[in-house]
Amino acid sequence: MPDTSEKFKRALELHYTGNIDEAELLYKELLREMPQNDLILSYLSLIAIDKKDFDKAIDYTNQAISINPDPKYYEDLANLYYDKKDFNKAIEAYLQVLTLDPNNHNILFNLGLSFLSEDRVDEAIDFFKKALSVNPDDAEIYYNLALAYVEKCEFKEAINSLNHSIKIKPDYPDANFLLGCIFLQTNNFEEGWKLYEWRFFKKDAIELLNFSKPRWDGSDIKDKTIYVYHEQGYGDSIMFARFLSLLSTISKKVLFKPQAGLEKLFKESNLPIDIIDNSVPSFNLEFDTYIHLLSLPGILKVNQDNIPFKNNYLKSNKEKTNQYKQEYFDNKQFKIGIAWQSNPNIEKKRPISLEYFYKLAGLKNIKLYSLQKGYGIEQLDNIPEEVEIINIGKTFNNFSDTAAAIHNLDLVITIDTSIAHLSGSLGKSTLVLLPYSPDWRWLLDSENSVWYDSLKLYRQKTPGDWDEVIDRILLNIKNIR
């Protein structure tokens, strides 16, 4: 039989060459022989991480700490909790490391990230600053400090932090992109659109199309066919589709391929462009130049004063609209459509609980319709008996259906989702509930939207406080009926 050192050496070889199942068996065999060996436990934790079994990795790391309270193990434990998105436990573990290594800038930085993930913004800022006091030349820390300032709507401080970040690392995509978003939100459209192009190079970058034909740079295309490709979410395509009609006036032909589910809506809106089904491969199309949809306003030099088509640039299908009216909306009550949740994996600040809308259901002569699809729909299963909300969203197969339903409503109340953009593009009266620190497109302070005339923006006055927002909306509804 091989001695312990040979067995351990063999386990490491297996581990490093990717044979993790065999390595795990050897590590466990070694652990039975040496149950107080923290190093073996740490390697078993690494195996568990490779297998995405974070709970087991945490258990092994805790066992290692009980044998040897090494700061490295506490850091490993904190990182595991962070990766598991258990940020409160990550904070506890990182703080434990700090007692042993108070000037570890990585730990200070990770504490800032953890506090920011828990919306404890002031504490995040404090730890980012402490990390910078130890390592003042870290562009990533300045970038995340800027993110924290954005959460507080302290844009002067955010811009200052981003300028530091970009000075250290001029080609830092995320910092340049965030600076562009801040410029857009603070009405510096010219600089904002330029920096918005950095979105193609971020960590979570969208696909940068690469065709043999040139990407449009704003040059003359009156005799050319231009292919416009969608990007980002449904709401982005709806919002920026207004520029396609403008583009058609300066080109021979516009081809636009939206996301699946939007094709019918755009076709029925009779836009002066060719709508390409999402299933059609791009290489099957004939065009002279191409552009991503959200690059259009920068090239077209769009600013707050010249935004085109602020309502009714999309249309609902008349026949389908009448069908919805006959089946769901043929009543004399004040009909309100509601949407309360977006994809929580993308945006955790936007969603609210359906319970906030119960007060609306109690108003006299009000009828509520859920426009929700997918995320959040399960909340309809738990509404009280006295609350009536008609689940119209279950009938939607595409955005053409949604548009037909919205056309029959008197009012839409929604968070920042594609419903807000669709309703605004149809010219429907819409109240949009916004978090304290909203997306750049809603700018600052104003209750009016520069993008849609029919939208009214209801902003949180205090982070996380939806009650006050709903109370203002209730007062508004009582006045407009």
Protein backbone atom coordinates (compact mmCIF):
# COMPACT_ATOMS: atom_id res chain seq x y z
CA MET A 1 0.00 0.00 0.00
CA PRO A 2 1.27 3.51 -0.77
CA ASP A 3 2.16 5.63 2.23
CA THR A 4 0.15 8.72 3.12
CA SER A 5 2.43 11.18 1.33
CA GLU A 6 2.31 9.18 -1.90
CA LYS A 7 -1.45 8.87 -1.66
CA PHE A 8 -1.78 12.62 -1.13
CA LYS A 9 0.52 13.32 -4.06
CA ARG A 10 -1.59 11.02 -6.24
CA ALA A 11 -4.80 12.77 -5.13
CA LEU A 12 -3.33 16.16 -6.07
CA GLU A 13 -2.29 14.86 -9.49
CA LEU A 14 -5.80 13.56 -10.12
CA HIS A 15 -7.30 16.81 -8.91
CA TYR A 16 -5.10 19.06 -11.04
CA THR A 17 -5.70 16.95 -14.16
CA GLY A 18 -9.47 17.20 -13.78
CA ASN A 19 -10.17 13.70 -12.46
CA ILE A 20 -12.13 15.10 -9.55
CA ASP A 21 -14.22 12.02 -8.73
CA GLU A 22 -11.11 9.85 -8.26
CA ALA A 23 -9.37 12.67 -6.39
CA GLU A 24 -12.35 13.04 -4.08
CA LEU A 25 -12.27 9.33 -3.19
CA LEU A 26 -8.58 9.56 -2.31
CA TYR A 27 -9.06 12.75 -0.26
CA LYS A 28 -11.85 11.08 1.72
CA GLU A 29 -9.68 8.02 2.29
CA LEU A 30 -6.90 10.28 3.55
CA LEU A 31 -9.35 12.14 5.79
CA ARG A 32 -10.38 8.89 7.46
CA GLU A 33 -6.71 8.28 8.19
CA MET A 34 -6.08 11.90 9.31
CA PRO A 35 -9.43 13.36 10.47
CA GLN A 36 -7.75 16.48 11.91
CA ASN A 37 -6.02 17.47 8.67
CA ASP A 38 -7.42 20.85 7.65
CA LEU A 39 -5.54 20.85 4.34
CA ILE A 40 -7.39 17.76 3.11
CA LEU A 41 -10.68 19.36 4.12
CA SER A 42 -9.77 22.45 2.11
CA TYR A 43 -9.12 20.32 -0.98
CA LEU A 44 -12.43 18.51 -0.50
CA SER A 45 -14.04 21.94 -0.39
CA LEU A 46 -12.45 22.75 -3.75
CA ILE A 47 -13.84 19.51 -5.19
CA ALA A 48 -17.31 20.45 -3.92
CA ILE A 49 -16.97 23.87 -5.55
CA ASP A 50 -16.06 22.20 -8.85
CA LYS A 51 -19.27 20.19 -8.51
CA LYS A 52 -21.27 23.34 -7.68
CA ASP A 53 -22.17 21.87 -4.29
CA PHE A 54 -21.64 25.05 -2.28
CA ASP A 55 -23.34 23.75 0.87
CA LYS A 56 -20.90 20.84 1.07
CA ALA A 57 -17.98 23.18 0.34
CA ILE A 58 -19.12 25.42 3.19
CA ASP A 59 -19.34 22.41 5.52
CA TYR A 60 -15.80 21.27 4.65
CA THR A 61 -14.45 24.81 5.12
CA ASN A 62 -16.14 25.16 8.51
CA GLN A 63 -14.56 21.86 9.57
CA ALA A 64 -11.16 23.16 8.45
CA ILE A 65 -11.68 26.36 10.47
CA SER A 66 -12.58 24.35 13.59
CA ILE A 67 -9.19 22.64 13.30
CA ASN A 68 -7.14 25.64 12.16
CA PRO A 69 -8.69 29.15 12.27
CA ASP A 70 -6.49 30.38 9.45
CA PRO A 71 -7.58 33.73 7.90
CA LYS A 72 -7.40 32.07 4.47
CA TYR A 73 -10.14 29.62 5.45
CA TYR A 74 -12.36 32.42 6.71
CA GLU A 75 -11.81 34.20 3.41
CA ASP A 76 -12.68 31.01 1.51
CA LEU A 77 -15.83 30.67 3.62
CA ALA A 78 -16.83 34.27 2.99
CA ASN A 79 -16.27 33.87 -0.74
CA LEU A 80 -18.45 30.75 -0.74
CA TYR A 81 -21.27 32.58 0.99
CA TYR A 82 -20.84 35.46 -1.46
CA ASP A 83 -21.01 33.14 -4.48
CA LYS A 84 -24.11 31.56 -2.94
CA LYS A 85 -25.56 35.08 -2.61
CA ASP A 86 -25.90 34.66 1.15
CA PHE A 87 -24.44 38.11 1.67
CA ASN A 88 -25.19 38.47 5.38
CA LYS A 89 -23.16 35.37 6.21
CA ALA A 90 -20.47 36.53 3.79
CA ILE A 91 -20.28 39.79 5.72
CA GLU A 92 -19.88 37.92 9.02
CA ALA A 93 -17.04 35.83 7.62
CA TYR A 94 -15.28 38.77 5.94
CA LEU A 95 -15.45 40.75 9.19
CA GLN A 96 -13.86 37.80 10.98
CA VAL A 97 -10.98 37.90 8.48
CA LEU A 98 -10.55 41.63 9.13
CA THR A 99 -9.95 41.00 12.82
CA LEU A 100 -6.99 38.87 11.76
CA ASP A 101 -5.89 40.93 8.74
CA PRO A 102 -7.27 44.49 9.07
CA ASN A 103 -5.50 45.96 6.02
CA ASN A 104 -6.46 43.31 3.50
CA HIS A 105 -7.82 45.45 0.68
CA ASN A 106 -9.47 42.46 -1.03
CA ILE A 107 -11.49 41.75 2.09
CA LEU A 108 -12.39 45.42 2.49
CA PHE A 109 -13.48 45.49 -1.15
CA ASN A 110 -15.51 42.28 -0.83
CA LEU A 111 -17.22 43.69 2.24
CA GLY A 112 -18.20 46.70 0.18
CA LEU A 113 -19.61 44.43 -2.52
CA SER A 114 -21.52 42.38 0.05
CA PHE A 115 -23.04 45.41 1.74
CA LEU A 116 -23.99 46.84 -1.66
CA SER A 117 -25.71 43.58 -2.58
CA GLU A 118 -27.75 43.88 0.62
CA ASP A 119 -28.68 47.50 -0.20
CA ARG A 120 -26.68 48.70 2.80
CA VAL A 121 -25.24 51.43 0.64
CA ASP A 122 -23.65 53.69 3.25
CA GLU A 123 -21.72 50.76 4.72
CA ALA A 124 -20.67 49.73 1.22
CA ILE A 125 -19.31 53.20 0.54
CA ASP A 126 -17.42 53.14 3.84
CA PHE A 127 -15.67 49.87 3.01
CA PHE A 128 -14.91 50.85 -0.59
CA LYS A 129 -13.22 53.97 0.76
CA LYS A 130 -11.26 51.89 3.28
CA ALA A 131 -10.15 49.58 0.47
CA LEU A 132 -8.99 52.59 -1.55
CA SER A 133 -7.03 53.91 1.42
CA VAL A 134 -5.01 50.69 1.27
CA ASN A 135 -4.92 50.38 -2.52
CA PRO A 136 -5.65 53.76 -4.17
CA ASP A 137 -4.84 52.52 -7.68
CA ASP A 138 -7.62 49.96 -8.06
CA ALA A 139 -9.99 50.97 -10.88
CA GLU A 140 -12.55 48.30 -9.96
CA ILE A 141 -12.99 49.66 -6.43
CA TYR A 142 -13.62 53.17 -7.80
CA TYR A 143 -16.16 51.70 -10.24
CA ASN A 144 -18.09 49.95 -7.49
CA LEU A 145 -17.91 53.04 -5.31
CA ALA A 146 -19.60 54.85 -8.21
CA LEU A 147 -22.30 52.18 -8.32
CA ALA A 148 -22.99 52.82 -4.64
CA TYR A 149 -23.25 56.57 -5.20
CA VAL A 150 -25.68 55.93 -8.08
CA GLU A 151 -27.90 54.01 -5.64
CA LYS A 152 -28.05 57.19 -3.56
CA CYS A 153 -28.56 59.35 -6.68
CA GLU A 154 -25.37 61.20 -5.76
CA PHE A 155 -24.21 61.59 -9.34
CA LYS A 156 -21.51 64.19 -8.78
CA GLU A 157 -19.69 61.78 -6.47
CA ALA A 158 -20.34 58.89 -8.87
CA ILE A 159 -18.86 60.81 -11.80
CA ASN A 160 -15.82 61.73 -9.72
CA SER A 161 -15.27 58.06 -8.79
CA LEU A 162 -15.63 56.96 -12.41
CA ASN A 163 -13.18 59.60 -13.59
CA HIS A 164 -10.65 58.16 -11.12
CA SER A 165 -11.40 54.64 -12.36
CA ILE A 166 -11.00 55.59 -16.01
CA LYS A 167 -7.83 57.57 -15.31
CA ILE A 168 -6.30 54.42 -13.84
CA LYS A 169 -7.72 52.15 -16.55
CA PRO A 170 -8.84 54.16 -19.62
CA ASP A 171 -10.18 51.11 -21.47
CA TYR A 172 -12.36 49.90 -18.57
CA PRO A 173 -15.65 49.10 -20.36
CA ASP A 174 -17.94 48.92 -17.32
CA ALA A 175 -16.74 52.25 -15.95
CA ASN A 176 -17.08 54.02 -19.30
CA PHE A 177 -20.54 52.53 -19.84
CA LEU A 178 -21.77 53.54 -16.38
CA LEU A 179 -20.47 57.05 -16.95
CA GLY A 180 -22.45 57.12 -20.20
CA CYS A 181 -25.62 56.04 -18.39
CA ILE A 182 -25.13 58.79 -15.80
CA PHE A 183 -24.66 61.37 -18.55
CA LEU A 184 -27.88 60.19 -20.21
CA GLN A 185 -29.76 60.29 -16.92
CA THR A 186 -28.51 63.79 -16.19
CA ASN A 187 -29.46 65.05 -19.66
CA ASN A 188 -26.00 65.09 -21.24
CA PHE A 189 -27.18 63.10 -24.23
CA GLU A 190 -24.30 63.93 -26.55
CA GLU A 191 -21.60 62.47 -24.30
CA GLY A 192 -23.95 59.80 -22.96
CA TRP A 193 -24.63 58.17 -26.32
CA LYS A 194 -20.91 58.09 -27.13
CA LEU A 195 -20.06 56.22 -23.94
CA TYR A 196 -23.13 53.99 -24.23
CA GLU A 197 -21.29 52.18 -27.04
CA TRP A 198 -19.02 50.64 -24.39
CA ARG A 199 -21.89 48.22 -23.67
CA PHE A 200 -20.45 45.88 -26.30
CA PHE A 201 -17.28 45.34 -24.27
CA LYS A 202 -18.59 44.95 -20.71
CA LYS A 203 -18.27 41.76 -18.66
CA ASP A 204 -21.89 40.95 -19.48
CA ALA A 205 -21.61 42.35 -23.00
CA ILE A 206 -24.28 41.81 -25.59
CA GLU A 207 -23.30 40.23 -28.89
CA LEU A 208 -21.41 42.57 -31.19
CA LEU A 209 -22.47 41.48 -34.66
CA ASN A 210 -19.70 41.00 -37.16
CA PHE A 211 -20.78 40.97 -40.79
CA SER A 212 -18.73 41.36 -43.94
CA LYS A 213 -20.77 44.50 -44.65
CA PRO A 214 -19.77 47.71 -42.82
CA ARG A 215 -21.41 48.85 -39.61
CA TRP A 216 -23.28 52.11 -40.19
CA ASP A 217 -21.38 55.17 -38.98
CA GLY A 218 -23.92 57.84 -39.89
CA SER A 219 -22.80 58.26 -43.49
CA ASP A 220 -25.24 58.75 -46.39
CA ILE A 221 -27.49 55.70 -46.88
CA LYS A 222 -30.25 57.15 -49.08
CA ASP A 223 -29.54 54.49 -51.71
CA LYS A 224 -28.76 51.68 -49.27
CA THR A 225 -30.57 48.98 -47.32
CA ILE A 226 -29.77 49.00 -43.61
CA TYR A 227 -30.26 46.02 -41.29
CA VAL A 228 -31.13 46.85 -37.68
CA TYR A 229 -30.70 44.15 -35.07
CA HIS A 230 -32.46 44.06 -31.70
CA GLU A 231 -30.58 43.98 -28.42
CA GLN A 232 -31.28 43.82 -24.69
CA GLY A 233 -34.91 43.46 -23.53
CA TYR A 234 -38.38 43.67 -25.04
CA GLY A 235 -38.87 47.11 -23.55
CA ASP A 236 -35.70 48.37 -25.22
CA SER A 237 -36.91 47.21 -28.62
CA ILE A 238 -40.29 48.87 -28.11
CA MET A 239 -38.76 52.11 -26.84
CA PHE A 240 -36.13 52.45 -29.57
CA ALA A 241 -38.37 51.24 -32.41
CA ARG A 242 -39.50 54.87 -32.78
CA PHE A 243 -36.19 55.58 -34.53
CA LEU A 244 -36.88 53.04 -37.27
CA SER A 245 -39.46 55.25 -38.95
CA LEU A 246 -36.99 58.13 -38.80
CA LEU A 247 -34.32 55.87 -40.28
CA SER A 248 -36.63 54.98 -43.16
CA THR A 249 -36.67 58.62 -44.29
CA ILE A 250 -32.91 58.67 -44.87
CA SER A 251 -32.40 55.18 -46.34
CA LYS A 252 -33.62 53.11 -49.26
CA LYS A 253 -34.94 50.32 -47.04
CA VAL A 254 -34.86 49.33 -43.35
CA LEU A 255 -34.78 45.69 -42.26
CA PHE A 256 -35.48 45.11 -38.57
CA LYS A 257 -35.32 41.78 -36.74
CA PRO A 258 -36.92 42.05 -33.28
CA GLN A 259 -37.08 39.42 -30.56
CA ALA A 260 -39.51 36.54 -31.00
CA GLY A 261 -42.89 37.66 -29.73
CA LEU A 262 -42.58 41.21 -31.03
CA GLU A 263 -42.74 40.54 -34.77
CA LYS A 264 -46.53 40.55 -35.05
CA LEU A 265 -46.89 43.77 -33.02
CA PHE A 266 -44.44 45.62 -35.27
CA LYS A 267 -45.98 44.24 -38.46
CA GLU A 268 -49.49 45.25 -37.37
CA SER A 269 -48.25 48.76 -36.54
CA ASN A 270 -47.60 49.39 -40.24
CA LEU A 271 -44.15 50.86 -39.73
CA PRO A 272 -42.47 51.93 -43.00
CA ILE A 273 -39.89 49.15 -42.65
CA ASP A 274 -39.54 45.42 -43.31
CA ILE A 275 -39.98 43.27 -40.19
CA ILE A 276 -37.89 40.09 -40.28
CA ASP A 277 -39.01 37.07 -38.26
CA ASN A 278 -36.58 36.29 -35.48
CA SER A 279 -36.15 32.75 -36.80
CA VAL A 280 -34.60 33.99 -40.06
CA PRO A 281 -30.78 33.78 -39.93
CA SER A 282 -29.06 37.11 -40.42
CA PHE A 283 -26.75 35.70 -43.09
CA ASN A 284 -29.81 35.04 -45.28
CA LEU A 285 -30.57 38.76 -45.51
CA GLU A 286 -29.36 41.15 -48.17
CA PHE A 287 -28.27 44.56 -46.94
CA ASP A 288 -25.56 47.17 -47.46
CA THR A 289 -24.90 48.20 -43.87
CA TYR A 290 -26.08 47.28 -40.38
CA ILE A 291 -26.49 48.74 -36.90
CA HIS A 292 -27.64 47.69 -33.44
CA LEU A 293 -30.98 49.22 -32.48
CA LEU A 294 -29.74 51.08 -29.40
CA SER A 295 -26.92 52.71 -31.33
CA LEU A 296 -29.40 54.65 -33.47
CA PRO A 297 -30.04 57.64 -31.16
CA GLY A 298 -26.33 58.35 -30.87
CA ILE A 299 -25.82 58.37 -34.63
CA LEU A 300 -29.04 60.36 -35.15
CA LYS A 301 -27.89 62.87 -32.50
CA VAL A 302 -31.01 62.47 -30.37
CA ASN A 303 -31.41 64.71 -27.34
CA GLN A 304 -34.22 65.59 -24.96
CA ASP A 305 -35.57 68.23 -27.33
CA ASN A 306 -35.82 66.19 -30.53
CA ILE A 307 -37.05 62.75 -29.42
CA PRO A 308 -39.54 61.65 -32.12
CA PHE A 309 -42.89 59.85 -31.87
CA LYS A 310 -43.73 60.17 -28.20
CA ASN A 311 -47.01 58.27 -28.49
CA ASN A 312 -49.08 56.13 -30.85
CA TYR A 313 -46.14 54.97 -32.94
CA LEU A 314 -47.26 51.39 -32.35
CA LYS A 315 -50.81 50.15 -32.94
CA SER A 316 -53.04 47.36 -31.71
CA ASN A 317 -54.79 44.99 -34.07
CA LYS A 318 -58.39 46.26 -34.44
CA GLU A 319 -60.00 42.84 -34.84
CA LYS A 320 -58.12 41.40 -31.88
CA THR A 321 -58.87 44.52 -29.81
CA ASN A 322 -62.60 44.03 -30.42
CA GLN A 323 -62.35 40.35 -29.50
CA TYR A 324 -60.75 41.25 -26.17
CA LYS A 325 -63.41 43.88 -25.56
CA GLN A 326 -66.26 41.46 -26.09
CA GLU A 327 -64.73 38.74 -23.94
CA TYR A 328 -63.15 40.68 -21.06
CA PHE A 329 -63.78 44.42 -21.16
CA ASP A 330 -67.42 44.97 -22.06
CA ASN A 331 -68.35 46.72 -18.81
CA LYS A 332 -68.74 50.28 -17.54
CA GLN A 333 -66.23 50.04 -14.71
CA PHE A 334 -62.93 51.93 -14.66
CA LYS A 335 -60.55 49.32 -16.06
CA ILE A 336 -56.95 49.27 -14.78
CA GLY A 337 -54.22 46.93 -16.00
CA ILE A 338 -51.40 46.17 -13.56
CA ALA A 339 -47.90 44.68 -13.77
CA TRP A 340 -45.74 44.30 -10.67
CA GLN A 341 -42.68 42.19 -11.44
CA SER A 342 -39.84 41.99 -13.93
CA ASN A 343 -37.13 39.35 -14.15
CA PRO A 344 -35.66 39.27 -10.60
CA ASN A 345 -32.39 37.88 -11.95
CA ILE A 346 -31.89 41.06 -13.96
CA GLU A 347 -33.31 43.78 -11.75
CA LYS A 348 -34.08 43.34 -8.05
CA LYS A 349 -35.05 46.96 -7.33
CA ARG A 350 -38.02 47.18 -9.66
CA PRO A 351 -40.49 44.49 -8.51
CA ILE A 352 -43.14 45.13 -5.88
CA SER A 353 -45.56 42.74 -4.25
CA LEU A 354 -49.01 42.27 -5.75
CA GLU A 355 -50.37 43.03 -2.27
CA TYR A 356 -49.75 46.73 -2.87
CA PHE A 357 -52.52 46.69 -5.47
CA TYR A 358 -55.14 45.29 -3.09
CA LYS A 359 -56.02 48.85 -2.06
CA LEU A 360 -56.90 49.62 -5.68
CA ALA A 361 -59.25 46.66 -5.84
CA GLY A 362 -61.18 48.12 -2.91
CA LEU A 363 -62.02 51.36 -4.73
CA LYS A 364 -65.57 51.74 -5.96
CA ASN A 365 -66.25 51.03 -9.66
CA ILE A 366 -62.69 49.77 -10.28
CA LYS A 367 -61.89 46.57 -12.15
CA LEU A 368 -58.32 45.26 -12.07
CA TYR A 369 -56.69 43.21 -14.82
CA SER A 370 -53.35 41.46 -14.43
CA LEU A 371 -51.05 42.01 -17.41
CA GLN A 372 -48.36 39.87 -15.80
CA LYS A 373 -46.64 37.02 -17.64
CA GLY A 374 -44.07 34.63 -16.21
CA TYR A 375 -42.34 35.99 -13.11
CA GLY A 376 -44.73 37.04 -10.35
CA ILE A 377 -47.79 35.31 -11.77
CA GLU A 378 -47.81 32.86 -8.84
CA GLN A 379 -48.88 35.71 -6.53
CA LEU A 380 -52.33 35.62 -8.13
CA ASP A 381 -52.90 32.23 -6.47
CA ASN A 382 -52.83 33.78 -3.00
CA ILE A 383 -55.06 36.85 -3.25
CA PRO A 384 -57.84 37.24 -0.65
CA GLU A 385 -61.38 36.27 -1.64
CA GLU A 386 -62.58 39.86 -1.45
CA VAL A 387 -59.93 41.00 -3.98
CA GLU A 388 -60.83 40.52 -7.63
CA ILE A 389 -58.06 40.62 -10.23
CA ILE A 390 -58.78 39.22 -13.68
CA ASN A 391 -55.81 37.31 -15.05
CA ILE A 392 -55.84 38.60 -18.61
CA GLY A 393 -52.10 37.92 -18.95
CA LYS A 394 -52.70 34.18 -19.27
CA THR A 395 -54.22 34.84 -22.71
CA PHE A 396 -51.13 36.59 -24.09
CA ASN A 397 -49.11 34.62 -26.62
CA ASN A 398 -47.22 37.62 -27.97
CA PHE A 399 -47.08 41.40 -27.64
CA SER A 400 -49.81 41.84 -30.23
CA ASP A 401 -52.19 40.19 -27.76
CA THR A 402 -50.93 42.41 -24.94
CA ALA A 403 -51.40 45.54 -27.06
CA ALA A 404 -54.99 44.56 -27.90
CA ALA A 405 -55.80 44.12 -24.21
CA ILE A 406 -54.12 47.39 -23.19
CA HIS A 407 -56.13 49.28 -25.83
CA ASN A 408 -59.30 48.36 -23.91
CA LEU A 409 -58.07 49.70 -20.56
CA ASP A 410 -58.66 53.12 -19.05
CA LEU A 411 -55.32 53.11 -17.23
CA VAL A 412 -52.18 51.01 -16.83
CA ILE A 413 -50.17 50.93 -13.60
CA THR A 414 -46.83 49.17 -13.88
CA ILE A 415 -43.29 49.03 -12.66
CA ASP A 416 -40.42 49.59 -15.11
CA THR A 417 -41.09 46.68 -17.49
CA SER A 418 -41.85 46.16 -21.15
CA ILE A 419 -45.50 46.85 -20.25
CA ALA A 420 -44.59 50.48 -19.48
CA HIS A 421 -42.96 50.88 -22.89
CA LEU A 422 -45.73 49.09 -24.76
CA SER A 423 -48.45 51.11 -23.05
CA GLY A 424 -46.57 54.37 -23.69
CA SER A 425 -45.97 53.51 -27.34
CA LEU A 426 -49.73 52.94 -27.74
CA GLY A 427 -50.50 56.31 -26.15
CA LYS A 428 -52.34 54.73 -23.20
CA SER A 429 -52.48 56.65 -19.91
CA THR A 430 -49.90 54.91 -17.74
CA LEU A 431 -48.52 55.35 -14.24
CA VAL A 432 -45.00 53.96 -13.84
CA LEU A 433 -43.69 53.06 -10.39
CA LEU A 434 -39.97 53.76 -10.16
CA PRO A 435 -37.42 52.86 -7.46
CA TYR A 436 -35.45 55.60 -5.72
CA SER A 437 -32.56 55.09 -8.13
CA PRO A 438 -34.23 54.31 -11.47
CA ASP A 439 -32.84 53.29 -14.82
CA TRP A 440 -31.14 56.07 -16.79
CA ARG A 441 -34.00 56.43 -19.29
CA TRP A 442 -36.34 57.94 -16.68
CA LEU A 443 -33.91 60.81 -16.00
CA LEU A 444 -34.30 62.65 -12.67
CA ASP A 445 -37.05 64.24 -10.59
CA SER A 446 -39.68 64.94 -13.26
CA GLU A 447 -43.03 63.16 -13.19
CA ASN A 448 -43.15 63.38 -16.99
CA SER A 449 -41.30 61.08 -19.38
CA VAL A 450 -39.27 62.54 -22.23
CA TRP A 451 -39.99 59.35 -24.18
CA TYR A 452 -43.77 58.98 -23.85
CA ASP A 453 -46.36 61.75 -23.47
CA SER A 454 -48.92 59.42 -21.87
CA LEU A 455 -46.69 58.28 -18.99
CA LYS A 456 -46.60 59.69 -15.47
CA LEU A 457 -43.64 58.70 -13.31
CA TYR A 458 -44.13 57.91 -9.63
CA ARG A 459 -40.73 57.86 -7.98
CA GLN A 460 -39.86 56.51 -4.55
CA LYS A 461 -39.01 59.37 -2.23
CA THR A 462 -37.24 56.97 0.12
CA PRO A 463 -35.38 53.83 -1.02
CA GLY A 464 -37.60 50.78 -0.72
CA ASP A 465 -40.76 52.67 0.29
CA TRP A 466 -43.56 51.65 -2.05
CA ASP A 467 -46.36 52.46 0.42
CA GLU A 468 -45.99 56.20 -0.09
CA VAL A 469 -45.92 55.73 -3.87
CA ILE A 470 -49.12 53.67 -3.83
CA ASP A 471 -50.84 56.25 -1.62
CA ARG A 472 -50.04 58.96 -4.19
CA ILE A 473 -51.40 56.75 -6.95
CA LEU A 474 -54.62 56.09 -5.03
CA LEU A 475 -55.12 59.83 -4.65
CA ASN A 476 -54.47 60.32 -8.37
CA ILE A 477 -57.01 57.67 -9.37
CA LYS A 478 -59.67 59.18 -7.14
CA ASN A 479 -59.12 62.49 -8.91
CA ILE A 480 -59.04 61.27 -12.52
CA ARG A 481 -62.11 59.01 -12.50
